Amino acid sequence: MKERSNPCFTFTERENLYDRVSHDRFMALVMQPDVDIHELQVSSNSFGEYLFVTVSCRTEQPKRLLTFWGLGYHEHRERWIADSWQWYESSHKEMSLPVIPKAEAYTQIKERETFVRANATPTRQSRRAQLYEVVADLIDEDGALAELEDLGWMFLGDDEEQDA
């Protein structure tokens, strides 16, 4: 991995291993003075609907964009995600993105957090969601989805519908 000068985004070994940070850590990272927030949008990926936040660090060379996603509903786990954020290095061109004022970004994140926490009431997961969650925690989200789709969810038997 290429060494970066003046990084804003330093992650622990565990955070790097799982590409995941806590909500509090996410807020601390994106609210740093040298961090620019370029995009905030609710959108979907293969796991559900989340808030996507694309950021960069003004002092970091070479410059990179990170996109964090969190505060959403994970369809395969059948649960709201309110306390953690995942990230990936974005392929956007940084020069073409506007900078969103921190106060505006903070307000949008807090509004989304309020919405998610209001909806994050405990619900009983189906057997399918329970199985997905175990496999995803053992390997990773993409791998779990691929493995279980390849196996045809055969571990569930005939009574999955009764469990839902």
Protein backbone atom coordinates (compact mmCIF):
# COMPACT_ATOMS: atom_id res chain seq x y z
CA MET A 1 0.00 0.00 0.00
CA LYS A 2 1.33 3.42 -0.96
CA GLU A 3 2.35 5.67 1.93
CA ARG A 4 0.30 8.90 2.12
CA SER A 5 1.58 12.20 3.47
CA ASN A 6 -0.54 14.01 6.06
CA PRO A 7 -3.39 11.48 6.12
CA CYS A 8 -6.71 12.46 7.68
CA PHE A 9 -7.94 8.89 7.44
CA THR A 10 -5.92 6.57 9.61
CA PHE A 11 -7.63 3.35 10.55
CA THR A 12 -6.90 0.75 13.17
CA GLU A 13 -5.93 -2.76 12.11
CA ARG A 14 -9.45 -3.97 12.94
CA GLU A 15 -11.10 -1.11 11.02
CA ASN A 16 -8.94 -1.88 7.98
CA LEU A 17 -9.65 -5.60 8.24
CA TYR A 18 -13.42 -5.11 8.15
CA ASP A 19 -13.59 -1.76 6.27
CA ARG A 20 -15.88 -0.66 9.10
CA VAL A 21 -15.92 2.07 11.75
CA SER A 22 -18.37 2.93 14.51
CA HIS A 23 -20.84 5.76 14.00
CA ASP A 24 -18.97 7.93 16.52
CA ARG A 25 -15.66 7.27 14.77
CA PHE A 26 -17.24 8.07 11.38
CA MET A 27 -18.51 11.41 12.69
CA ALA A 28 -15.07 12.24 14.13
CA LEU A 29 -13.38 11.37 10.82
CA VAL A 30 -15.68 13.36 8.53
CA MET A 31 -15.89 16.40 10.80
CA GLN A 32 -12.10 16.91 10.86
CA PRO A 33 -11.11 20.41 9.64
CA ASP A 34 -9.07 19.09 6.67
CA VAL A 35 -11.84 16.77 5.41
CA ASP A 36 -14.08 17.89 2.56
CA ILE A 37 -17.50 16.31 2.14
CA HIS A 38 -18.40 16.05 -1.53
CA GLU A 39 -21.59 13.98 -1.69
CA LEU A 40 -24.33 12.91 0.69
CA GLN A 41 -27.11 10.84 -0.79
CA VAL A 42 -29.48 8.09 0.14
CA SER A 43 -29.00 5.33 -2.40
CA SER A 44 -28.97 1.55 -2.69
CA ASN A 45 -26.33 -1.10 -3.09
CA SER A 46 -26.69 -4.90 -3.16
CA PHE A 47 -27.34 -4.95 0.61
CA GLY A 48 -30.02 -2.28 0.98
CA GLU A 49 -30.66 1.47 1.16
CA TYR A 50 -28.06 3.59 2.96
CA LEU A 51 -26.69 7.08 3.30
CA PHE A 52 -23.55 7.35 1.15
CA VAL A 53 -21.02 10.02 2.12
CA THR A 54 -18.04 10.75 -0.17
CA VAL A 55 -15.11 12.60 1.41
CA SER A 56 -11.51 13.59 0.75
CA CYS A 57 -8.65 15.04 2.77
CA ARG A 58 -7.17 18.35 1.62
CA THR A 59 -3.74 17.63 3.16
CA GLU A 60 -3.35 14.05 1.93
CA GLN A 61 -1.07 13.35 -1.02
CA PRO A 62 -1.77 11.52 -3.19
CA LYS A 63 -5.39 12.57 -2.83
CA ARG A 64 -8.07 9.89 -2.65
CA LEU A 65 -11.81 9.80 -2.20
CA LEU A 66 -13.46 7.54 0.34
CA THR A 67 -17.14 6.72 0.27
CA PHE A 68 -18.69 5.67 3.56
CA TRP A 69 -22.09 4.00 3.70
CA GLY A 70 -24.26 3.50 6.76
CA LEU A 71 -27.48 4.55 8.45
CA GLY A 72 -29.69 2.25 6.41
CA TYR A 73 -31.60 -0.99 6.21
CA HIS A 74 -29.66 -4.18 5.46
CA GLU A 75 -32.12 -6.32 3.50
CA HIS A 76 -30.24 -9.63 3.87
CA ARG A 77 -29.71 -9.22 7.63
CA GLU A 78 -33.24 -7.81 8.01
CA ARG A 79 -32.04 -5.12 10.36
CA TRP A 80 -31.38 -1.41 10.49
CA ILE A 81 -27.72 -0.39 10.63
CA ALA A 82 -27.30 2.65 12.86
CA ASP A 83 -24.05 2.14 14.74
CA SER A 84 -21.48 1.35 12.05
CA TRP A 85 -20.27 2.57 8.68
CA GLN A 86 -18.42 0.70 5.96
CA TRP A 87 -16.23 2.35 3.34
CA TYR A 88 -14.52 1.86 0.02
CA GLU A 89 -12.08 3.90 -2.01
CA SER A 90 -14.14 5.74 -4.59
CA SER A 91 -13.31 6.02 -8.27
CA HIS A 92 -14.86 9.51 -8.72
CA LYS A 93 -12.65 12.28 -10.01
CA GLU A 94 -12.12 14.51 -6.97
CA MET A 95 -11.75 17.73 -8.97
CA SER A 96 -15.26 17.47 -10.37
CA LEU A 97 -17.03 17.23 -7.03
CA PRO A 98 -18.42 20.20 -5.08
CA VAL A 99 -17.72 20.68 -1.37
CA ILE A 100 -20.73 20.56 0.94
CA PRO A 101 -20.52 22.86 3.98
CA LYS A 102 -19.86 20.90 7.19
CA ALA A 103 -22.91 22.33 9.00
CA GLU A 104 -25.20 21.29 6.15
CA ALA A 105 -23.62 17.81 5.98
CA TYR A 106 -23.87 17.41 9.76
CA THR A 107 -27.57 18.30 9.67
CA GLN A 108 -28.29 15.81 6.87
CA ILE A 109 -26.41 13.01 8.65
CA LYS A 110 -28.23 13.73 11.93
CA GLU A 111 -31.62 13.79 10.16
CA ARG A 112 -30.89 10.41 8.58
CA GLU A 113 -29.67 9.05 11.93
CA THR A 114 -32.92 10.18 13.59
CA PHE A 115 -34.96 8.46 10.86
CA VAL A 116 -32.99 5.19 11.09
CA ARG A 117 -33.01 5.04 14.89
CA ALA A 118 -36.78 5.69 14.92
CA ASN A 119 -37.26 2.72 12.60
CA ALA A 120 -34.67 0.45 14.20
CA THR A 121 -37.08 -1.36 16.48
CA PRO A 122 -36.22 -4.97 17.30
CA THR A 123 -37.82 -7.45 14.93
CA ARG A 124 -37.52 -11.19 14.64
CA GLN A 125 -35.21 -12.18 11.80
CA SER A 126 -36.19 -14.95 9.43
CA ARG A 127 -34.01 -18.08 9.37
CA ARG A 128 -32.67 -16.84 6.04
CA ALA A 129 -31.47 -13.56 7.63
CA GLN A 130 -29.99 -15.41 10.60
CA LEU A 131 -28.03 -17.72 8.28
CA TYR A 132 -26.86 -14.81 6.13
CA GLU A 133 -25.68 -12.92 9.22
CA VAL A 134 -23.64 -15.87 10.52
CA VAL A 135 -21.97 -16.48 7.15
CA ALA A 136 -21.35 -12.75 6.52
CA ASP A 137 -19.72 -12.38 9.94
CA LEU A 138 -17.47 -15.35 9.20
CA ILE A 139 -16.35 -14.29 5.73
CA ASP A 140 -17.67 -10.99 4.38
CA GLU A 141 -20.87 -9.45 3.03
CA ASP A 142 -20.18 -10.07 -0.69
CA GLY A 143 -18.86 -13.56 -0.07
CA ALA A 144 -21.84 -14.53 2.08
CA LEU A 145 -24.31 -13.41 -0.54
CA ALA A 146 -22.46 -15.28 -3.30
CA GLU A 147 -22.03 -18.47 -1.27
CA LEU A 148 -25.64 -18.62 -0.15
CA GLU A 149 -26.96 -17.85 -3.63
CA ASP A 150 -24.71 -20.60 -5.07
CA LEU A 151 -25.99 -23.07 -2.46
CA GLY A 152 -29.58 -22.02 -3.06
CA TRP A 153 -30.12 -21.43 0.66
CA MET A 154 -30.34 -25.24 0.96
CA PHE A 155 -29.71 -25.15 4.69
CA LEU A 156 -33.14 -23.70 5.34
CA GLY A 157 -35.24 -26.68 4.37
CA ASP A 158 -38.89 -26.45 3.41
CA ASP A 159 -40.14 -24.43 6.38
CA GLU A 160 -38.48 -21.08 5.62
CA GLU A 161 -41.81 -19.55 4.65
CA GLN A 162 -43.35 -20.52 8.01
CA ASP A 163 -40.45 -18.81 9.81
CA ALA A 164 -40.74 -15.44 8.11
